Amino acid sequence: MRILVTAGPTREFIDPVRYLSNRSTGTLGYALAARAVVRGHAVTLITGPVTLTPPQGAAVVRIVSAADLAREALAALPDADAVVMTAAVADFTPADTHAHKLKKASAALTLTLKPTTDVLAEIGRRKRADQIVMGFCLETENGPAEARRKLASKNCDFIVLNTPANFGDVRESVTVFARGGDQTPLPPLDKPELAARLIGLIEAARGKE
C-alpha cells in the first residue's frame, strides 16, 4: 500500500523572525510513518519543522507553512492508497507578512489573520472511493461531537480524537471514530504502540494489502 503521512506543526510567519505555530512535536506522525515502513508499505512523509529523524525507507518532503502542506499533500494525493493527516496545520495565517523585523513599540500591535486552506476537507472532497483517509481532531471541549461532525463534513474514514495532554513523547489515549459509526476508545499507549494500532485499522479497511 502507498501511504501518505503528514506530521508536525506549520509556521505562519509574521516577519522574518516571528511566526505563529503550535505545540505539535510530530512524534506520532513519525511513529506512524515508521510503523508503515516496517509493515512493508511505501511511505511518503510530509513533515513540518521538527527535531525528529525520519524513518529510513520513507520518502520525505519538508514543508514550513500551511500553504506548503496543502500544495504538497494535494499533489501527492492521487498516488496514495491511504492518507494519515497527523500534521497540526494552522487554521489561520497573517494576512500580511512584513518584509523586515517589526520594531518594538509602546503601542499595541494588531494582527489581521486570514483562514488557511482546510487541507483535510480538501483531501476528503477529492478522495476516491478506494482511498482511506484518517484525520485527527484535537479538542478541548465537546470532543466526541466535534469528531463525529468532522468525520462526516471532511469525508474521512476515520477520525482520531486527541487532546492537548498527548503532545510530545507521552503515553497517548485517543478515541477512534469510524465511518460506519464505531467508536473505539484506546487505552494509554506509547506512540509506537498507538501507531501500530492505527496502521492496523487502515490495513483492515484496505483488506491488508
N, C-alpha and C. Protein backbone atom coordinates (compact mmCIF):
# COMPACT_ATOMS: atom_id res chain seq x y z
N MET A 1 0.84 -1.18 0.00
CA MET A 1 0.00 0.00 0.00
C MET A 1 0.88 1.25 0.00
N ARG A 2 0.44 2.28 -0.66
CA ARG A 2 1.14 3.58 -0.66
C ARG A 2 0.46 4.49 0.35
N ILE A 3 1.18 4.87 1.38
CA ILE A 3 0.61 5.64 2.48
C ILE A 3 1.27 7.01 2.57
N LEU A 4 0.44 8.03 2.58
CA LEU A 4 0.89 9.41 2.75
C LEU A 4 0.63 9.82 4.20
N VAL A 5 1.70 10.23 4.90
CA VAL A 5 1.59 10.66 6.29
C VAL A 5 2.04 12.12 6.38
N THR A 6 1.25 12.95 7.06
CA THR A 6 1.69 14.32 7.35
C THR A 6 1.94 14.43 8.85
N ALA A 7 2.95 15.22 9.22
CA ALA A 7 3.35 15.27 10.63
C ALA A 7 3.90 16.63 10.99
N GLY A 8 3.82 16.94 12.30
CA GLY A 8 4.44 18.15 12.82
C GLY A 8 3.59 19.40 12.67
N PRO A 9 4.13 20.53 13.10
CA PRO A 9 3.40 21.80 13.04
C PRO A 9 3.66 22.52 11.73
N THR A 10 2.91 23.59 11.51
CA THR A 10 3.28 24.55 10.47
C THR A 10 3.70 25.84 11.17
N ARG A 11 4.40 26.69 10.43
CA ARG A 11 4.79 28.01 10.91
C ARG A 11 4.25 29.06 9.95
N GLU A 12 3.55 30.04 10.52
CA GLU A 12 2.95 31.11 9.72
C GLU A 12 3.66 32.41 10.09
N PHE A 13 4.48 32.91 9.19
CA PHE A 13 5.40 34.00 9.53
C PHE A 13 4.72 35.37 9.56
N ILE A 14 5.03 36.10 10.63
CA ILE A 14 4.60 37.49 10.79
C ILE A 14 5.63 38.43 10.16
N ASP A 15 6.89 38.13 10.41
CA ASP A 15 8.01 38.85 9.82
C ASP A 15 9.15 37.84 9.68
N PRO A 16 10.35 38.22 9.26
CA PRO A 16 11.39 37.22 9.01
C PRO A 16 11.81 36.39 10.22
N VAL A 17 11.47 36.80 11.45
CA VAL A 17 11.93 36.06 12.63
C VAL A 17 10.80 35.58 13.54
N ARG A 18 9.59 36.07 13.35
CA ARG A 18 8.47 35.70 14.22
C ARG A 18 7.40 34.95 13.43
N TYR A 19 6.81 33.99 14.11
CA TYR A 19 5.78 33.22 13.43
C TYR A 19 4.75 32.72 14.44
N LEU A 20 3.59 32.32 13.92
CA LEU A 20 2.55 31.66 14.70
C LEU A 20 2.68 30.16 14.47
N SER A 21 2.60 29.37 15.55
CA SER A 21 2.72 27.93 15.41
C SER A 21 1.94 27.25 16.53
N ASN A 22 2.26 26.00 16.82
CA ASN A 22 1.56 25.24 17.85
C ASN A 22 2.52 24.26 18.51
N ARG A 23 2.03 23.47 19.44
CA ARG A 23 2.88 22.61 20.27
C ARG A 23 3.20 21.25 19.65
N SER A 24 2.75 20.98 18.46
CA SER A 24 2.98 19.66 17.87
C SER A 24 4.47 19.37 17.74
N THR A 25 4.86 18.14 18.13
CA THR A 25 6.26 17.71 18.00
C THR A 25 6.47 16.77 16.82
N GLY A 26 5.39 16.27 16.24
CA GLY A 26 5.50 15.32 15.14
C GLY A 26 5.74 13.89 15.56
N THR A 27 5.77 13.63 16.88
CA THR A 27 6.16 12.31 17.37
C THR A 27 5.25 11.19 16.87
N LEU A 28 3.94 11.40 16.93
CA LEU A 28 3.02 10.35 16.48
C LEU A 28 3.09 10.17 14.97
N GLY A 29 3.16 11.26 14.23
CA GLY A 29 3.24 11.15 12.78
C GLY A 29 4.47 10.38 12.34
N TYR A 30 5.61 10.64 12.98
CA TYR A 30 6.83 9.90 12.65
C TYR A 30 6.70 8.43 13.05
N ALA A 31 6.05 8.17 14.18
CA ALA A 31 5.83 6.77 14.59
C ALA A 31 4.93 6.04 13.60
N LEU A 32 3.93 6.74 13.09
CA LEU A 32 3.04 6.14 12.09
C LEU A 32 3.80 5.84 10.81
N ALA A 33 4.64 6.78 10.37
CA ALA A 33 5.44 6.54 9.17
C ALA A 33 6.38 5.36 9.38
N ALA A 34 7.02 5.29 10.56
CA ALA A 34 7.95 4.20 10.84
C ALA A 34 7.24 2.85 10.85
N ARG A 35 6.06 2.81 11.46
CA ARG A 35 5.31 1.56 11.51
C ARG A 35 4.88 1.13 10.11
N ALA A 36 4.46 2.07 9.30
CA ALA A 36 4.03 1.73 7.94
C ALA A 36 5.20 1.19 7.13
N VAL A 37 6.40 1.75 7.31
CA VAL A 37 7.58 1.24 6.62
C VAL A 37 7.87 -0.19 7.06
N VAL A 38 7.83 -0.44 8.37
CA VAL A 38 8.09 -1.78 8.90
C VAL A 38 7.10 -2.79 8.33
N ARG A 39 5.88 -2.36 8.12
CA ARG A 39 4.84 -3.25 7.59
C ARG A 39 4.95 -3.45 6.09
N GLY A 40 5.95 -2.81 5.46
CA GLY A 40 6.20 -3.04 4.04
C GLY A 40 5.50 -2.09 3.10
N HIS A 41 4.91 -1.02 3.63
CA HIS A 41 4.22 -0.06 2.78
C HIS A 41 5.18 0.98 2.22
N ALA A 42 4.82 1.56 1.09
CA ALA A 42 5.58 2.66 0.50
C ALA A 42 5.09 3.95 1.14
N VAL A 43 5.96 4.65 1.85
CA VAL A 43 5.54 5.78 2.69
C VAL A 43 6.14 7.08 2.18
N THR A 44 5.27 8.09 2.06
CA THR A 44 5.71 9.46 1.85
C THR A 44 5.36 10.24 3.11
N LEU A 45 6.37 10.86 3.71
CA LEU A 45 6.19 11.64 4.95
C LEU A 45 6.35 13.12 4.63
N ILE A 46 5.27 13.88 4.76
CA ILE A 46 5.33 15.33 4.61
C ILE A 46 5.42 15.91 6.01
N THR A 47 6.53 16.58 6.30
CA THR A 47 6.79 16.97 7.68
C THR A 47 7.04 18.46 7.83
N GLY A 48 6.42 19.02 8.84
CA GLY A 48 6.71 20.38 9.26
C GLY A 48 8.01 20.41 10.04
N PRO A 49 8.40 21.59 10.56
CA PRO A 49 9.69 21.73 11.26
C PRO A 49 9.68 21.01 12.60
N VAL A 50 10.43 19.91 12.70
CA VAL A 50 10.56 19.16 13.94
C VAL A 50 12.03 18.76 14.11
N THR A 51 12.36 18.19 15.26
CA THR A 51 13.74 17.78 15.53
C THR A 51 13.92 16.27 15.39
N LEU A 52 12.95 15.56 14.87
CA LEU A 52 12.99 14.11 14.77
C LEU A 52 13.72 13.65 13.51
N THR A 53 14.21 12.42 13.55
CA THR A 53 14.85 11.80 12.39
C THR A 53 13.82 10.95 11.66
N PRO A 54 13.60 11.19 10.39
CA PRO A 54 12.61 10.40 9.65
C PRO A 54 13.01 8.93 9.57
N PRO A 55 12.05 8.03 9.49
CA PRO A 55 12.38 6.61 9.38
C PRO A 55 13.05 6.30 8.05
N GLN A 56 14.06 5.44 8.09
CA GLN A 56 14.70 5.01 6.85
C GLN A 56 13.68 4.29 5.98
N GLY A 57 13.72 4.58 4.69
CA GLY A 57 12.80 3.94 3.76
C GLY A 57 11.63 4.80 3.38
N ALA A 58 11.38 5.88 4.12
CA ALA A 58 10.28 6.79 3.78
C ALA A 58 10.81 7.90 2.88
N ALA A 59 10.00 8.29 1.91
CA ALA A 59 10.30 9.48 1.10
C ALA A 59 9.86 10.70 1.91
N VAL A 60 10.75 11.66 2.09
CA VAL A 60 10.49 12.79 2.98
C VAL A 60 10.34 14.08 2.18
N VAL A 61 9.27 14.81 2.47
CA VAL A 61 9.03 16.12 1.89
C VAL A 61 8.93 17.11 3.05
N ARG A 62 9.80 18.09 3.10
CA ARG A 62 9.82 19.05 4.21
C ARG A 62 9.05 20.31 3.81
N ILE A 63 8.19 20.76 4.72
CA ILE A 63 7.40 21.95 4.48
C ILE A 63 7.51 22.87 5.70
N VAL A 64 7.05 24.09 5.55
CA VAL A 64 7.05 25.04 6.67
C VAL A 64 5.64 25.53 6.96
N SER A 65 4.96 26.05 5.97
CA SER A 65 3.68 26.72 6.20
C SER A 65 2.49 25.82 5.86
N ALA A 66 1.31 26.27 6.25
CA ALA A 66 0.08 25.56 5.89
C ALA A 66 -0.11 25.53 4.38
N ALA A 67 0.28 26.61 3.71
CA ALA A 67 0.18 26.64 2.24
C ALA A 67 1.11 25.61 1.61
N ASP A 68 2.33 25.46 2.19
CA ASP A 68 3.25 24.43 1.71
C ASP A 68 2.63 23.05 1.85
N LEU A 69 2.06 22.79 3.02
CA LEU A 69 1.48 21.48 3.28
C LEU A 69 0.32 21.19 2.33
N ALA A 70 -0.54 22.17 2.13
CA ALA A 70 -1.67 21.98 1.21
C ALA A 70 -1.16 21.63 -0.19
N ARG A 71 -0.17 22.37 -0.65
CA ARG A 71 0.36 22.13 -2.00
C ARG A 71 0.93 20.72 -2.13
N GLU A 72 1.76 20.32 -1.18
CA GLU A 72 2.43 19.03 -1.28
C GLU A 72 1.48 17.86 -1.05
N ALA A 73 0.58 17.99 -0.08
CA ALA A 73 -0.35 16.90 0.22
C ALA A 73 -1.31 16.67 -0.94
N LEU A 74 -1.83 17.74 -1.51
CA LEU A 74 -2.79 17.58 -2.61
C LEU A 74 -2.09 17.08 -3.87
N ALA A 75 -0.82 17.43 -4.05
CA ALA A 75 -0.08 16.91 -5.20
C ALA A 75 0.18 15.42 -5.05
N ALA A 76 0.40 14.96 -3.81
CA ALA A 76 0.71 13.54 -3.57
C ALA A 76 -0.55 12.68 -3.48
N LEU A 77 -1.69 13.28 -3.27
CA LEU A 77 -2.93 12.53 -3.03
C LEU A 77 -3.27 11.52 -4.12
N PRO A 78 -3.17 11.86 -5.42
CA PRO A 78 -3.60 10.89 -6.43
C PRO A 78 -2.85 9.56 -6.39
N ASP A 79 -1.61 9.57 -5.91
CA ASP A 79 -0.81 8.34 -5.87
C ASP A 79 -0.95 7.55 -4.57
N ALA A 80 -1.73 8.06 -3.62
CA ALA A 80 -1.84 7.43 -2.30
C ALA A 80 -3.02 6.48 -2.23
N ASP A 81 -2.81 5.36 -1.55
CA ASP A 81 -3.93 4.46 -1.22
C ASP A 81 -4.56 4.85 0.11
N ALA A 82 -3.74 5.46 0.98
CA ALA A 82 -4.24 5.90 2.29
C ALA A 82 -3.51 7.18 2.69
N VAL A 83 -4.24 8.04 3.40
CA VAL A 83 -3.69 9.30 3.88
C VAL A 83 -3.91 9.37 5.39
N VAL A 84 -2.83 9.69 6.13
CA VAL A 84 -2.92 9.84 7.58
C VAL A 84 -2.49 11.27 7.91
N MET A 85 -3.46 12.10 8.29
CA MET A 85 -3.23 13.53 8.45
C MET A 85 -2.99 13.87 9.92
N THR A 86 -1.78 13.58 10.41
CA THR A 86 -1.47 13.92 11.79
C THR A 86 -0.91 15.34 11.94
N ALA A 87 -0.54 15.98 10.85
CA ALA A 87 0.04 17.32 10.95
C ALA A 87 -0.93 18.28 11.64
N ALA A 88 -0.36 19.14 12.50
CA ALA A 88 -1.15 20.17 13.18
C ALA A 88 -1.08 21.43 12.32
N VAL A 89 -2.02 21.56 11.41
CA VAL A 89 -1.99 22.64 10.43
C VAL A 89 -2.63 23.89 11.01
N ALA A 90 -1.98 25.03 10.85
CA ALA A 90 -2.54 26.29 11.34
C ALA A 90 -3.87 26.57 10.66
N ASP A 91 -4.85 27.01 11.44
CA ASP A 91 -6.14 27.39 10.88
C ASP A 91 -6.12 28.80 10.31
N PHE A 92 -5.17 29.61 10.79
CA PHE A 92 -5.08 31.00 10.34
C PHE A 92 -3.63 31.35 10.06
N THR A 93 -3.44 32.31 9.16
CA THR A 93 -2.11 32.83 8.84
C THR A 93 -2.20 34.35 8.73
N PRO A 94 -1.12 35.07 9.00
CA PRO A 94 -1.18 36.53 8.90
C PRO A 94 -1.59 36.98 7.50
N ALA A 95 -2.48 37.96 7.45
CA ALA A 95 -2.93 38.49 6.16
C ALA A 95 -1.78 39.15 5.43
N ASP A 96 -0.83 39.71 6.18
CA ASP A 96 0.35 40.35 5.59
C ASP A 96 1.59 39.89 6.34
N THR A 97 2.62 39.52 5.60
CA THR A 97 3.91 39.19 6.20
C THR A 97 4.86 40.37 5.98
N HIS A 98 5.40 40.88 7.05
CA HIS A 98 6.28 42.05 6.96
C HIS A 98 7.66 41.64 6.45
N ALA A 99 8.21 42.43 5.55
CA ALA A 99 9.50 42.11 4.94
C ALA A 99 10.66 42.27 5.93
N HIS A 100 10.48 43.12 6.93
CA HIS A 100 11.53 43.37 7.90
C HIS A 100 10.99 43.12 9.31
N LYS A 101 11.91 42.89 10.24
CA LYS A 101 11.53 42.63 11.62
C LYS A 101 10.76 43.82 12.19
N LEU A 102 9.61 43.52 12.77
CA LEU A 102 8.82 44.59 13.39
C LEU A 102 9.54 45.12 14.63
N LYS A 103 9.60 46.42 14.75
CA LYS A 103 10.26 47.03 15.89
C LYS A 103 9.30 47.09 17.08
N LYS A 104 9.88 46.92 18.27
CA LYS A 104 9.07 47.04 19.48
C LYS A 104 8.62 48.49 19.64
N ALA A 105 7.35 48.64 20.03
CA ALA A 105 6.81 49.98 20.22
C ALA A 105 5.92 49.98 21.44
N SER A 106 5.62 51.14 21.95
CA SER A 106 4.77 51.23 23.14
C SER A 106 3.31 50.98 22.81
N ALA A 107 2.94 51.20 21.57
CA ALA A 107 1.54 50.99 21.17
C ALA A 107 1.28 49.50 20.96
N ALA A 108 0.05 49.09 21.15
CA ALA A 108 -0.34 47.70 20.92
C ALA A 108 -0.26 47.37 19.43
N LEU A 109 0.04 46.13 19.14
CA LEU A 109 0.11 45.66 17.76
C LEU A 109 -1.10 44.79 17.46
N THR A 110 -1.77 45.07 16.38
CA THR A 110 -2.92 44.28 15.96
C THR A 110 -2.54 43.46 14.73
N LEU A 111 -2.75 42.15 14.79
CA LEU A 111 -2.51 41.28 13.65
C LEU A 111 -3.83 40.89 13.01
N THR A 112 -3.89 40.99 11.71
CA THR A 112 -5.05 40.52 10.97
C THR A 112 -4.74 39.15 10.40
N LEU A 113 -5.58 38.18 10.70
CA LEU A 113 -5.36 36.80 10.25
C LEU A 113 -6.40 36.41 9.22
N LYS A 114 -6.01 35.53 8.33
CA LYS A 114 -6.95 35.00 7.34
C LYS A 114 -6.93 33.47 7.40
N PRO A 115 -8.03 32.82 7.05
CA PRO A 115 -8.06 31.35 7.13
C PRO A 115 -7.08 30.71 6.15
N THR A 116 -6.53 29.58 6.55
CA THR A 116 -5.71 28.77 5.64
C THR A 116 -6.62 27.75 4.95
N THR A 117 -6.07 27.09 3.95
CA THR A 117 -6.80 26.01 3.29
C THR A 117 -7.06 24.88 4.29
N ASP A 118 -8.29 24.39 4.34
CA ASP A 118 -8.61 23.22 5.17
C ASP A 118 -8.15 21.99 4.40
N VAL A 119 -6.93 21.56 4.67
CA VAL A 119 -6.31 20.51 3.86
C VAL A 119 -7.08 19.19 3.97
N LEU A 120 -7.49 18.83 5.19
CA LEU A 120 -8.21 17.58 5.37
C LEU A 120 -9.53 17.60 4.63
N ALA A 121 -10.25 18.71 4.69
CA ALA A 121 -11.52 18.82 3.97
C ALA A 121 -11.31 18.72 2.47
N GLU A 122 -10.25 19.33 1.97
CA GLU A 122 -9.97 19.29 0.54
C GLU A 122 -9.57 17.88 0.10
N ILE A 123 -8.81 17.19 0.94
CA ILE A 123 -8.49 15.79 0.64
C ILE A 123 -9.76 14.95 0.61
N GLY A 124 -10.64 15.18 1.60
CA GLY A 124 -11.91 14.46 1.62
C GLY A 124 -12.76 14.73 0.40
N ARG A 125 -12.72 15.96 -0.09
CA ARG A 125 -13.51 16.32 -1.28
C ARG A 125 -12.97 15.62 -2.52
N ARG A 126 -11.64 15.45 -2.58
CA ARG A 126 -11.02 14.88 -3.78
C ARG A 126 -10.82 13.37 -3.71
N LYS A 127 -11.00 12.76 -2.55
CA LYS A 127 -10.64 11.35 -2.38
C LYS A 127 -11.47 10.44 -3.27
N ARG A 128 -10.82 9.38 -3.74
CA ARG A 128 -11.52 8.34 -4.50
C ARG A 128 -12.18 7.36 -3.54
N ALA A 129 -13.09 6.57 -4.06
CA ALA A 129 -13.79 5.60 -3.22
C ALA A 129 -12.85 4.56 -2.64
N ASP A 130 -11.73 4.29 -3.34
CA ASP A 130 -10.81 3.26 -2.87
C ASP A 130 -9.72 3.80 -1.95
N GLN A 131 -9.74 5.08 -1.65
CA GLN A 131 -8.73 5.66 -0.76
C GLN A 131 -9.25 5.72 0.67
N ILE A 132 -8.34 5.52 1.63
CA ILE A 132 -8.68 5.61 3.04
C ILE A 132 -8.07 6.90 3.59
N VAL A 133 -8.87 7.68 4.28
CA VAL A 133 -8.39 8.92 4.88
C VAL A 133 -8.62 8.87 6.38
N MET A 134 -7.54 9.05 7.14
CA MET A 134 -7.62 9.11 8.60
C MET A 134 -7.21 10.53 9.02
N GLY A 135 -8.13 11.23 9.65
CA GLY A 135 -7.86 12.57 10.14
C GLY A 135 -7.72 12.56 11.66
N PHE A 136 -7.20 13.66 12.18
CA PHE A 136 -7.03 13.82 13.62
C PHE A 136 -7.75 15.07 14.08
N CYS A 137 -8.33 15.00 15.25
CA CYS A 137 -9.18 16.06 15.78
C CYS A 137 -8.75 16.33 17.21
N LEU A 138 -8.10 17.47 17.44
CA LEU A 138 -7.68 17.82 18.79
C LEU A 138 -8.67 18.82 19.36
N GLU A 139 -9.32 18.45 20.45
CA GLU A 139 -10.36 19.30 21.03
C GLU A 139 -10.14 19.46 22.53
N THR A 140 -10.60 20.59 23.05
CA THR A 140 -10.56 20.83 24.49
C THR A 140 -11.97 20.78 25.11
N GLU A 141 -13.01 20.72 24.26
CA GLU A 141 -14.38 20.57 24.75
C GLU A 141 -15.24 19.99 23.64
N ASN A 142 -16.32 19.31 24.03
CA ASN A 142 -17.26 18.69 23.08
C ASN A 142 -16.54 17.81 22.06
N GLY A 143 -15.54 17.07 22.54
CA GLY A 143 -14.71 16.28 21.64
C GLY A 143 -15.46 15.26 20.80
N PRO A 144 -16.27 14.37 21.38
CA PRO A 144 -16.96 13.37 20.58
C PRO A 144 -17.88 13.98 19.52
N ALA A 145 -18.60 15.03 19.89
CA ALA A 145 -19.49 15.67 18.92
C ALA A 145 -18.70 16.27 17.77
N GLU A 146 -17.58 16.92 18.11
CA GLU A 146 -16.74 17.52 17.06
C GLU A 146 -16.12 16.44 16.18
N ALA A 147 -15.70 15.34 16.77
CA ALA A 147 -15.11 14.26 15.98
C ALA A 147 -16.12 13.68 15.00
N ARG A 148 -17.35 13.45 15.47
CA ARG A 148 -18.37 12.92 14.57
C ARG A 148 -18.71 13.92 13.47
N ARG A 149 -18.74 15.21 13.82
CA ARG A 149 -19.04 16.23 12.81
C ARG A 149 -17.95 16.27 11.74
N LYS A 150 -16.70 16.23 12.17
CA LYS A 150 -15.60 16.30 11.21
C LYS A 150 -15.51 15.02 10.38
N LEU A 151 -15.82 13.89 10.97
CA LEU A 151 -15.83 12.63 10.23
C LEU A 151 -16.73 12.74 9.01
N ALA A 152 -17.90 13.35 9.21
CA ALA A 152 -18.86 13.49 8.11
C ALA A 152 -18.51 14.65 7.19
N SER A 153 -18.24 15.82 7.77
CA SER A 153 -18.06 17.02 6.94
C SER A 153 -16.78 16.97 6.12
N LYS A 154 -15.76 16.25 6.60
CA LYS A 154 -14.50 16.17 5.87
C LYS A 154 -14.35 14.86 5.10
N ASN A 155 -15.41 14.05 5.08
CA ASN A 155 -15.44 12.82 4.28
C ASN A 155 -14.28 11.89 4.62
N CYS A 156 -14.07 11.67 5.91
CA CYS A 156 -12.99 10.77 6.36
C CYS A 156 -13.53 9.37 6.61
N ASP A 157 -12.63 8.42 6.61
CA ASP A 157 -12.98 7.05 7.00
C ASP A 157 -12.77 6.84 8.50
N PHE A 158 -11.79 7.58 9.06
CA PHE A 158 -11.52 7.56 10.49
C PHE A 158 -11.19 8.97 10.96
N ILE A 159 -11.63 9.29 12.17
CA ILE A 159 -11.16 10.48 12.88
C ILE A 159 -10.64 10.02 14.23
N VAL A 160 -9.43 10.44 14.56
CA VAL A 160 -8.83 10.11 15.85
C VAL A 160 -8.94 11.34 16.75
N LEU A 161 -9.71 11.20 17.83
CA LEU A 161 -9.93 12.29 18.76
C LEU A 161 -8.79 12.36 19.77
N ASN A 162 -8.17 13.52 19.85
CA ASN A 162 -6.96 13.72 20.62
C ASN A 162 -7.18 14.87 21.61
N THR A 163 -6.26 15.05 22.55
CA THR A 163 -6.32 16.18 23.49
C THR A 163 -4.93 16.79 23.62
N PRO A 164 -4.82 18.03 24.12
CA PRO A 164 -3.51 18.65 24.29
C PRO A 164 -2.58 17.87 25.22
N ALA A 165 -3.14 17.05 26.10
CA ALA A 165 -2.31 16.27 27.03
C ALA A 165 -1.42 15.26 26.30
N ASN A 166 -1.74 14.98 25.04
CA ASN A 166 -1.00 13.97 24.29
C ASN A 166 0.17 14.52 23.49
N PHE A 167 0.44 15.82 23.59
CA PHE A 167 1.58 16.39 22.88
C PHE A 167 2.88 15.81 23.42
N GLY A 168 3.83 15.55 22.51
CA GLY A 168 5.17 15.14 22.94
C GLY A 168 5.30 13.64 23.14
N ASP A 169 6.36 13.26 23.81
CA ASP A 169 6.70 11.86 24.00
C ASP A 169 6.04 11.34 25.28
N VAL A 170 4.73 11.18 25.22
CA VAL A 170 3.97 10.68 26.36
C VAL A 170 3.08 9.54 25.89
N ARG A 171 2.60 8.75 26.85
CA ARG A 171 1.60 7.73 26.50
C ARG A 171 0.32 8.43 26.12
N GLU A 172 -0.30 7.96 25.05
CA GLU A 172 -1.40 8.69 24.45
C GLU A 172 -2.68 7.87 24.51
N SER A 173 -3.76 8.51 24.95
CA SER A 173 -5.07 7.87 24.99
C SER A 173 -5.98 8.62 24.02
N VAL A 174 -6.51 7.91 23.02
CA VAL A 174 -7.34 8.53 22.00
C VAL A 174 -8.61 7.70 21.81
N THR A 175 -9.55 8.27 21.08
CA THR A 175 -10.74 7.55 20.67
C THR A 175 -10.84 7.62 19.15
N VAL A 176 -11.05 6.47 18.53
CA VAL A 176 -11.13 6.41 17.07
C VAL A 176 -12.60 6.31 16.65
N PHE A 177 -13.02 7.22 15.80
CA PHE A 177 -14.37 7.23 15.25
C PHE A 177 -14.28 6.76 13.80
N ALA A 178 -15.12 5.77 13.43
CA ALA A 178 -15.08 5.20 12.09
C ALA A 178 -16.32 5.59 11.30
N ARG A 179 -16.17 5.59 10.00
CA ARG A 179 -17.27 5.98 9.11
C ARG A 179 -18.55 5.19 9.40
N GLY A 180 -18.41 3.92 9.71
CA GLY A 180 -19.59 3.09 9.93
C GLY A 180 -20.31 3.34 11.24
N GLY A 181 -19.77 4.22 12.09
CA GLY A 181 -20.41 4.55 13.35
C GLY A 181 -19.71 4.00 14.57
N ASP A 182 -18.71 3.12 14.36
CA ASP A 182 -17.99 2.57 15.51
C ASP A 182 -17.19 3.66 16.22
N GLN A 183 -17.15 3.56 17.55
CA GLN A 183 -16.39 4.48 18.38
C GLN A 183 -15.52 3.63 19.31
N THR A 184 -14.19 3.71 19.13
CA THR A 184 -13.29 2.82 19.85
C THR A 184 -12.33 3.62 20.71
N PRO A 185 -12.54 3.64 22.04
CA PRO A 185 -11.56 4.28 22.92
C PRO A 185 -10.36 3.37 23.11
N LEU A 186 -9.16 3.91 22.97
CA LEU A 186 -7.95 3.12 23.16
C LEU A 186 -7.31 3.50 24.49
N PRO A 187 -6.74 2.53 25.19
CA PRO A 187 -6.08 2.82 26.48
C PRO A 187 -4.80 3.61 26.24
N PRO A 188 -4.20 4.17 27.29
CA PRO A 188 -2.93 4.88 27.11
C PRO A 188 -1.88 3.96 26.51
N LEU A 189 -1.30 4.40 25.40
CA LEU A 189 -0.31 3.61 24.68
C LEU A 189 0.90 4.49 24.35
N ASP A 190 2.08 3.87 24.30
CA ASP A 190 3.24 4.57 23.76
C ASP A 190 2.96 4.90 22.30
N LYS A 191 3.64 5.93 21.79
CA LYS A 191 3.39 6.35 20.42
C LYS A 191 3.59 5.21 19.41
N PRO A 192 4.67 4.39 19.52
CA PRO A 192 4.80 3.28 18.56
C PRO A 192 3.66 2.26 18.66
N GLU A 193 3.18 2.02 19.89
CA GLU A 193 2.07 1.08 20.07
C GLU A 193 0.80 1.64 19.45
N LEU A 194 0.55 2.93 19.67
CA LEU A 194 -0.63 3.56 19.09
C LEU A 194 -0.53 3.57 17.57
N ALA A 195 0.66 3.87 17.05
CA ALA A 195 0.86 3.86 15.61
C ALA A 195 0.54 2.49 15.02
N ALA A 196 0.96 1.43 15.70
CA ALA A 196 0.68 0.08 15.22
C ALA A 196 -0.82 -0.19 15.16
N ARG A 197 -1.54 0.27 16.18
CA ARG A 197 -3.00 0.07 16.18
C ARG A 197 -3.66 0.83 15.04
N LEU A 198 -3.22 2.06 14.81
CA LEU A 198 -3.85 2.89 13.78
C LEU A 198 -3.52 2.39 12.38
N ILE A 199 -2.27 1.99 12.14
CA ILE A 199 -1.93 1.42 10.84
C ILE A 199 -2.70 0.12 10.62
N GLY A 200 -2.91 -0.64 11.70
CA GLY A 200 -3.70 -1.85 11.58
C GLY A 200 -5.13 -1.59 11.14
N LEU A 201 -5.72 -0.50 11.61
CA LEU A 201 -7.07 -0.14 11.19
C LEU A 201 -7.10 0.18 9.69
N ILE A 202 -6.09 0.88 9.23
CA ILE A 202 -6.03 1.23 7.80
C ILE A 202 -5.84 -0.03 6.97
N GLU A 203 -4.97 -0.92 7.41
CA GLU A 203 -4.75 -2.18 6.69
C GLU A 203 -6.03 -2.99 6.62
N ALA A 204 -6.77 -3.05 7.71
CA ALA A 204 -8.03 -3.81 7.71
C ALA A 204 -9.04 -3.18 6.76
N ALA A 205 -9.07 -1.85 6.73
CA ALA A 205 -10.03 -1.17 5.84
C ALA A 205 -9.67 -1.38 4.38
N ARG A 206 -8.39 -1.56 4.08
CA ARG A 206 -7.93 -1.79 2.70
C ARG A 206 -7.78 -3.27 2.37
N GLY A 207 -8.18 -4.14 3.30
CA GLY A 207 -8.06 -5.57 3.03
C GLY A 207 -6.66 -6.10 3.20
N LYS A 208 -5.85 -5.45 4.08
CA LYS A 208 -4.49 -5.93 4.42
C LYS A 208 -3.62 -6.05 3.19
N GLU A 209 -3.57 -5.00 2.38
CA GLU A 209 -2.69 -5.02 1.19
C GLU A 209 -1.23 -5.02 1.62
